[in-house]
Amino acid sequence: MRTILPGLIWCLGIAIISKFVAVTLLPEIGAATIAIFLGMIVGNTFGKGDYLKKGTKFSESKLLEISVFLLGATVSFNTLRSLGLHGVGFIICQMSIVIFISIMLGKKLNMTNDFAYLMASGNAVCGSSAIAATAPAIGASEEEKGLAITMVNITGTVLMLLLPFIAGLLYHHETNHTSALIGGVLQSVGQVVASGSMVNNDVKQLSTLYKLVRVILLVVVVILLANLKKHGTTNQEKRKVKTRVPWYVIGFVAACLLYSVGLVPNVISNGCKIISGYLEIIALAGIGMNVNIKKILSQGKKLTLYATIIGISQIVTAVIFIELFLS
């Protein structure tokens, strides 16, 4: 514990500053994205000490795992019924195409399979939490996990600001279509809430429902990508791939089931939501501190192209599927 504490304290400090900046100065961007960028600045300048490594690694792994688990107690399977068959069909098709494009494009750009799978899960499901759940299931490295989380959060922040404007042009902010676009495209729940709030309260609430369907499907995506990894690797590489779903993904589903049948009171669910959010911010600070900026800059053009094409494809496919399923 003594070796973990220094790095953990730094991550906590960055998280507190990020939350303060998000609340007072940059509410549109959100504490999660700010924490990653602050962490990257600190970790690549005066926060390079080896004595911080164990604490930052603990923050980015264990705290994010607990955050994913607690997130389950805030999601109800009743959401599927609320949106109906057409709404759920839209989300499933949207997620499937995003996963396919992310993997195929990753191959075209000579990205590693692991990185492409992490980008697929992060963009298709729920950002950092999905990447954290997928990484151990496919045997991805911590470096690739951190890089994927950084790129997905940057993409999500840009789209968060753009989508209300795009929805205004395409749908004149009609509630269902606008909500489907925001909830079906954006990477994290926080980004969906922030983007929906820029339109109106009805869009914020309905877009969150669309988003939660994607979150519910997290375990399906993790199992799918783990199986894709196993079928596409050598026998030696297969040993790195977990045959079991990570404990916190199982815990996520269990908590989701308990909340769905009414065994988790709303007061506990709200508490889990708050704690999960704060743990995620601390974890993202740790991830930022462990990101090598030199490596990002060396691959900057390729990473930017990859993330940009995925982001554009998400918008285009969402518009097509909204027309097919919801018009």
Protein backbone atom coordinates (compact mmCIF):
# COMPACT_ATOMS: atom_id res chain seq x y z
CA MET A 1 0.00 0.00 0.00
CA ARG A 2 2.88 2.35 0.80
CA THR A 3 4.23 1.98 -2.75
CA ILE A 4 0.79 2.63 -4.28
CA LEU A 5 -0.04 5.74 -2.26
CA PRO A 6 2.22 8.38 -3.94
CA GLY A 7 0.90 7.74 -7.46
CA LEU A 8 -2.67 7.35 -6.20
CA ILE A 9 -2.47 10.73 -4.44
CA TRP A 10 -1.25 12.38 -7.65
CA CYS A 11 -4.13 10.83 -9.60
CA LEU A 12 -6.59 11.97 -6.94
CA GLY A 13 -5.18 15.50 -7.06
CA ILE A 14 -5.46 15.64 -10.86
CA ALA A 15 -9.03 14.31 -10.63
CA ILE A 16 -10.03 16.99 -8.10
CA ILE A 17 -8.54 19.76 -10.25
CA SER A 18 -10.21 18.32 -13.36
CA LYS A 19 -13.60 18.19 -11.67
CA PHE A 20 -13.23 21.78 -10.45
CA VAL A 21 -12.21 23.04 -13.90
CA ALA A 22 -15.08 21.12 -15.53
CA VAL A 23 -17.68 22.50 -13.12
CA THR A 24 -16.47 26.11 -13.10
CA LEU A 25 -14.84 26.73 -16.49
CA LEU A 26 -15.34 23.94 -19.05
CA PRO A 27 -18.60 22.07 -18.40
CA GLU A 28 -18.95 21.24 -22.10
CA ILE A 29 -15.73 19.21 -22.12
CA GLY A 30 -16.19 17.34 -18.84
CA ALA A 31 -13.85 16.19 -16.09
CA ALA A 32 -12.97 12.87 -17.74
CA THR A 33 -11.33 14.42 -20.81
CA ILE A 34 -9.64 17.12 -18.72
CA ALA A 35 -8.22 14.45 -16.39
CA ILE A 36 -6.63 12.59 -19.31
CA PHE A 37 -4.98 15.72 -20.70
CA LEU A 38 -3.79 16.96 -17.30
CA GLY A 39 -2.47 13.48 -16.54
CA MET A 40 -0.58 13.43 -19.85
CA ILE A 41 1.00 16.82 -19.11
CA VAL A 42 2.02 15.82 -15.57
CA GLY A 43 3.17 12.32 -16.54
CA ASN A 44 5.39 13.59 -19.34
CA THR A 45 6.97 16.46 -17.36
CA PHE A 46 7.46 16.59 -13.60
CA GLY A 47 5.46 13.44 -12.79
CA LYS A 48 7.82 10.95 -14.41
CA GLY A 49 9.23 9.40 -11.22
CA ASP A 50 9.32 5.60 -10.94
CA TYR A 51 7.97 5.91 -7.39
CA LEU A 52 4.63 6.98 -8.91
CA LYS A 53 4.27 4.05 -11.32
CA LYS A 54 2.63 1.52 -8.99
CA GLY A 55 0.04 4.06 -7.85
CA THR A 56 -0.83 5.26 -11.34
CA LYS A 57 -1.06 1.66 -12.60
CA PHE A 58 -3.33 0.80 -9.66
CA SER A 59 -5.53 3.80 -10.47
CA GLU A 60 -5.85 3.04 -14.17
CA SER A 61 -6.60 -0.66 -13.69
CA LYS A 62 -8.28 -1.42 -10.36
CA LEU A 63 -10.25 1.81 -9.98
CA LEU A 64 -11.55 1.63 -13.55
CA GLU A 65 -12.58 -2.00 -12.98
CA ILE A 66 -14.59 -1.02 -9.89
CA SER A 67 -16.10 1.89 -11.85
CA VAL A 68 -17.35 -0.51 -14.55
CA PHE A 69 -18.83 -2.84 -11.92
CA LEU A 70 -20.68 -0.01 -10.16
CA LEU A 71 -21.98 1.30 -13.49
CA GLY A 72 -24.11 -1.85 -13.72
CA ALA A 73 -26.19 -0.76 -10.75
CA THR A 74 -27.29 2.32 -12.71
CA VAL A 75 -28.53 0.51 -15.84
CA SER A 76 -31.84 -1.32 -16.18
CA PHE A 77 -32.78 -3.91 -18.80
CA ASN A 78 -36.19 -2.20 -18.82
CA THR A 79 -34.51 0.38 -21.07
CA LEU A 80 -34.78 -2.13 -23.92
CA ARG A 81 -38.55 -2.20 -23.52
CA SER A 82 -38.73 1.60 -23.31
CA LEU A 83 -37.15 2.10 -26.73
CA GLY A 84 -39.06 -0.69 -28.44
CA LEU A 85 -37.95 -3.03 -31.20
CA HIS A 86 -37.09 -0.30 -33.70
CA GLY A 87 -34.96 1.64 -31.21
CA VAL A 88 -33.04 -1.45 -30.08
CA GLY A 89 -32.63 -2.59 -33.71
CA PHE A 90 -31.14 0.80 -34.58
CA ILE A 91 -28.58 0.52 -31.76
CA ILE A 92 -27.59 -3.08 -32.58
CA CYS A 93 -27.04 -2.28 -36.27
CA GLN A 94 -25.16 0.91 -35.44
CA MET A 95 -22.85 -0.89 -33.01
CA SER A 96 -22.24 -3.76 -35.43
CA ILE A 97 -21.16 -1.47 -38.27
CA VAL A 98 -18.92 0.62 -36.00
CA ILE A 99 -17.16 -2.54 -34.77
CA PHE A 100 -16.73 -3.78 -38.35
CA ILE A 101 -15.39 -0.45 -39.66
CA SER A 102 -13.02 -0.02 -36.69
CA ILE A 103 -11.48 -3.46 -37.21
CA MET A 104 -11.26 -3.29 -41.02
CA LEU A 105 -9.86 0.24 -41.01
CA GLY A 106 -7.35 -0.75 -38.33
CA LYS A 107 -6.04 -3.47 -40.63
CA LYS A 108 -5.81 -1.07 -43.58
CA LEU A 109 -3.78 1.38 -41.47
CA ASN A 110 -1.54 -1.40 -40.10
CA MET A 111 -2.76 -0.97 -36.53
CA THR A 112 -2.37 -3.99 -34.27
CA ASN A 113 -5.43 -6.22 -33.93
CA ASP A 114 -5.56 -5.49 -30.20
CA PHE A 115 -5.61 -1.73 -30.74
CA ALA A 116 -8.31 -2.06 -33.41
CA TYR A 117 -10.43 -4.22 -31.07
CA LEU A 118 -10.05 -1.67 -28.27
CA MET A 119 -11.05 1.17 -30.59
CA ALA A 120 -14.01 -0.91 -31.76
CA SER A 121 -15.29 -1.51 -28.23
CA GLY A 122 -14.64 2.04 -27.04
CA ASN A 123 -16.43 3.67 -29.96
CA ALA A 124 -19.26 1.14 -30.26
CA VAL A 125 -20.14 0.73 -26.58
CA CYS A 126 -19.14 3.14 -23.80
CA GLY A 127 -15.68 4.62 -24.18
CA SER A 128 -13.17 4.10 -21.38
CA SER A 129 -15.27 1.54 -19.52
CA ALA A 130 -15.64 -0.66 -22.59
CA ILE A 131 -11.92 -0.48 -23.36
CA ALA A 132 -11.10 -1.38 -19.75
CA ALA A 133 -13.43 -4.38 -19.98
CA THR A 134 -12.09 -5.52 -23.36
CA ALA A 135 -8.34 -5.13 -22.75
CA PRO A 136 -7.85 -8.12 -20.39
CA ALA A 137 -10.28 -10.26 -22.38
CA ILE A 138 -8.09 -9.97 -25.49
CA GLY A 139 -4.72 -9.75 -23.74
CA ALA A 140 -4.03 -6.16 -24.84
CA SER A 141 -1.09 -4.23 -23.38
CA GLU A 142 -1.51 -1.37 -20.89
CA GLU A 143 0.12 0.96 -23.42
CA GLU A 144 -2.44 0.15 -26.11
CA LYS A 145 -5.27 0.43 -23.60
CA GLY A 146 -4.12 3.91 -22.56
CA LEU A 147 -3.66 5.05 -26.14
CA ALA A 148 -7.11 3.77 -27.16
CA ILE A 149 -8.79 5.47 -24.20
CA THR A 150 -7.04 8.74 -25.05
CA MET A 151 -8.06 8.66 -28.73
CA VAL A 152 -11.65 7.63 -27.98
CA ASN A 153 -12.07 10.43 -25.44
CA ILE A 154 -10.65 13.03 -27.83
CA THR A 155 -12.99 11.84 -30.59
CA GLY A 156 -15.95 11.81 -28.21
CA THR A 157 -15.26 15.34 -27.00
CA VAL A 158 -15.18 16.71 -30.56
CA LEU A 159 -18.37 14.84 -31.53
CA MET A 160 -20.08 15.94 -28.31
CA LEU A 161 -19.77 19.56 -29.43
CA LEU A 162 -20.62 18.88 -33.10
CA LEU A 163 -23.66 16.60 -32.86
CA PRO A 164 -26.19 19.17 -31.54
CA PHE A 165 -25.31 21.38 -34.52
CA ILE A 166 -25.55 18.46 -36.99
CA ALA A 167 -28.86 17.32 -35.46
CA GLY A 168 -30.20 20.85 -35.87
CA LEU A 169 -29.34 20.84 -39.57
CA LEU A 170 -30.69 17.34 -40.26
CA TYR A 171 -33.62 17.01 -37.87
CA HIS A 172 -34.34 20.55 -36.62
CA HIS A 173 -33.82 19.07 -33.13
CA GLU A 174 -36.83 16.72 -33.40
CA THR A 175 -36.61 14.78 -30.14
CA ASN A 176 -36.45 11.12 -31.21
CA HIS A 177 -34.12 11.51 -34.20
CA THR A 178 -31.81 13.91 -32.38
CA SER A 179 -31.69 11.63 -29.33
CA ALA A 180 -30.91 8.59 -31.47
CA LEU A 181 -28.06 10.43 -33.19
CA ILE A 182 -26.50 11.62 -29.93
CA GLY A 183 -27.15 8.42 -27.95
CA GLY A 184 -26.14 6.15 -30.82
CA VAL A 185 -22.85 7.88 -31.65
CA LEU A 186 -21.18 9.39 -28.59
CA GLN A 187 -18.66 7.33 -26.68
CA SER A 188 -19.37 7.91 -22.97
CA VAL A 189 -22.55 8.38 -20.96
CA GLY A 190 -21.24 11.72 -19.68
CA GLN A 191 -20.71 12.99 -23.22
CA VAL A 192 -24.26 11.96 -24.16
CA VAL A 193 -25.71 13.83 -21.18
CA ALA A 194 -23.63 16.94 -21.93
CA SER A 195 -24.44 16.93 -25.66
CA GLY A 196 -28.15 16.25 -25.09
CA SER A 197 -28.28 19.08 -22.56
CA MET A 198 -27.10 21.48 -25.27
CA VAL A 199 -30.38 20.79 -27.11
CA ASN A 200 -33.03 20.41 -24.39
CA ASN A 201 -34.00 18.27 -21.41
CA ASP A 202 -36.18 15.84 -23.43
CA VAL A 203 -33.29 15.07 -25.77
CA LYS A 204 -30.94 14.63 -22.81
CA GLN A 205 -33.23 12.02 -21.23
CA LEU A 206 -34.06 10.08 -24.41
CA SER A 207 -30.50 10.11 -25.77
CA THR A 208 -29.34 8.67 -22.44
CA LEU A 209 -31.81 5.78 -22.92
CA TYR A 210 -30.36 5.05 -26.37
CA LYS A 211 -26.88 5.17 -24.87
CA LEU A 212 -27.78 2.79 -22.03
CA VAL A 213 -28.83 0.12 -24.55
CA ARG A 214 -25.25 0.21 -25.82
CA VAL A 215 -23.95 -0.09 -22.26
CA ILE A 216 -26.21 -3.10 -21.63
CA LEU A 217 -24.61 -4.83 -24.63
CA LEU A 218 -21.09 -4.40 -23.20
CA VAL A 219 -20.68 -8.04 -22.18
CA VAL A 220 -21.80 -9.23 -25.65
CA VAL A 221 -19.14 -7.08 -27.33
CA VAL A 222 -16.40 -8.22 -24.92
CA ILE A 223 -17.18 -11.89 -25.61
CA LEU A 224 -17.36 -11.23 -29.37
CA LEU A 225 -13.97 -9.49 -29.50
CA ALA A 226 -12.32 -12.10 -27.26
CA ASN A 227 -13.50 -14.81 -29.64
CA LEU A 228 -12.33 -12.86 -32.69
CA LYS A 229 -8.90 -12.53 -31.08
CA LYS A 230 -8.72 -16.27 -30.31
CA HIS A 231 -9.68 -17.29 -33.84
CA GLY A 232 -7.20 -14.91 -35.42
CA THR A 233 -4.05 -15.72 -33.42
CA THR A 234 -1.41 -18.42 -33.15
CA ASN A 235 -1.48 -21.03 -30.39
CA GLN A 236 1.22 -19.14 -28.49
CA GLU A 237 -0.73 -15.87 -28.64
CA LYS A 238 -3.95 -17.61 -27.60
CA ARG A 239 -2.46 -18.17 -24.16
CA LYS A 240 -2.58 -14.41 -23.58
CA VAL A 241 -6.31 -14.27 -24.30
CA LYS A 242 -8.58 -14.79 -21.34
CA THR A 243 -11.13 -17.54 -21.80
CA ARG A 244 -13.27 -15.97 -19.11
CA VAL A 245 -15.00 -12.62 -19.06
CA PRO A 246 -13.34 -10.26 -16.52
CA TRP A 247 -14.91 -10.28 -13.05
CA TYR A 248 -16.11 -6.69 -13.28
CA VAL A 249 -17.99 -7.35 -16.52
CA ILE A 250 -19.78 -10.26 -14.82
CA GLY A 251 -20.37 -7.97 -11.84
CA PHE A 252 -21.72 -5.30 -14.19
CA VAL A 253 -24.31 -7.73 -15.60
CA ALA A 254 -25.23 -9.02 -12.12
CA ALA A 255 -25.68 -5.48 -10.77
CA CYS A 256 -27.71 -4.59 -13.85
CA LEU A 257 -30.00 -7.60 -13.28
CA LEU A 258 -30.47 -6.75 -9.61
CA TYR A 259 -31.32 -3.14 -10.45
CA SER A 260 -33.70 -4.25 -13.22
CA VAL A 261 -35.77 -6.44 -10.87
CA GLY A 262 -35.92 -3.74 -8.19
CA LEU A 263 -33.47 -5.23 -5.68
CA VAL A 264 -31.21 -2.17 -5.83
CA PRO A 265 -32.96 0.91 -4.36
CA ASN A 266 -32.69 4.17 -6.27
CA VAL A 267 -30.68 5.78 -3.47
CA ILE A 268 -28.01 3.07 -3.79
CA SER A 269 -28.11 3.28 -7.59
CA ASN A 270 -27.57 7.04 -7.43
CA GLY A 271 -24.68 6.51 -5.02
CA CYS A 272 -23.12 3.95 -7.35
CA LYS A 273 -23.44 6.40 -10.23
CA ILE A 274 -21.61 9.13 -8.32
CA ILE A 275 -18.85 6.83 -7.03
CA SER A 276 -18.41 5.20 -10.45
CA GLY A 277 -18.03 8.62 -12.06
CA TYR A 278 -15.40 9.81 -9.58
CA LEU A 279 -13.43 6.55 -9.78
CA GLU A 280 -13.42 6.83 -13.57
CA ILE A 281 -11.97 10.35 -13.41
CA ILE A 282 -9.20 9.22 -11.02
CA ALA A 283 -8.48 6.24 -13.27
CA LEU A 284 -8.32 8.42 -16.38
CA ALA A 285 -5.82 10.69 -14.62
CA GLY A 286 -3.65 7.60 -14.08
CA ILE A 287 -4.08 6.56 -17.70
CA GLY A 288 -3.05 10.02 -18.85
CA MET A 289 0.06 9.92 -16.64
CA ASN A 290 1.11 6.65 -18.27
CA VAL A 291 0.57 7.81 -21.87
CA ASN A 292 3.79 8.47 -23.78
CA ILE A 293 3.22 11.71 -25.67
CA LYS A 294 6.27 11.10 -27.87
CA LYS A 295 4.69 7.87 -29.10
CA ILE A 296 1.39 9.64 -29.88
CA LEU A 297 3.23 12.36 -31.79
CA SER A 298 5.27 9.79 -33.73
CA GLN A 299 2.01 8.16 -34.90
CA GLY A 300 -0.02 11.34 -34.82
CA LYS A 301 -1.17 11.49 -38.45
CA LYS A 302 -2.16 7.84 -38.60
CA LEU A 303 -3.96 7.90 -35.23
CA THR A 304 -5.78 11.11 -36.13
CA LEU A 305 -6.84 9.68 -39.50
CA TYR A 306 -8.04 6.47 -37.83
CA ALA A 307 -10.07 8.25 -35.15
CA THR A 308 -11.48 10.80 -37.62
CA ILE A 309 -12.71 8.19 -40.11
CA ILE A 310 -14.32 6.17 -37.32
CA GLY A 311 -16.05 9.31 -36.01
CA ILE A 312 -17.34 10.29 -39.45
CA SER A 313 -18.51 6.74 -40.16
CA GLN A 314 -20.41 6.69 -36.86
CA ILE A 315 -22.35 9.79 -37.87
CA VAL A 316 -23.04 8.58 -41.42
CA THR A 317 -24.21 5.11 -40.36
CA ALA A 318 -26.35 6.57 -37.58
CA VAL A 319 -28.10 8.89 -40.05
CA ILE A 320 -28.74 5.94 -42.41
CA PHE A 321 -30.07 3.66 -39.67
CA ILE A 322 -32.23 6.42 -38.18
CA GLU A 323 -33.86 6.73 -41.60
CA LEU A 324 -34.33 2.94 -41.85
CA PHE A 325 -35.53 2.22 -38.32
CA LEU A 326 -37.03 5.40 -36.89
CA SER A 327 -38.55 7.40 -39.76
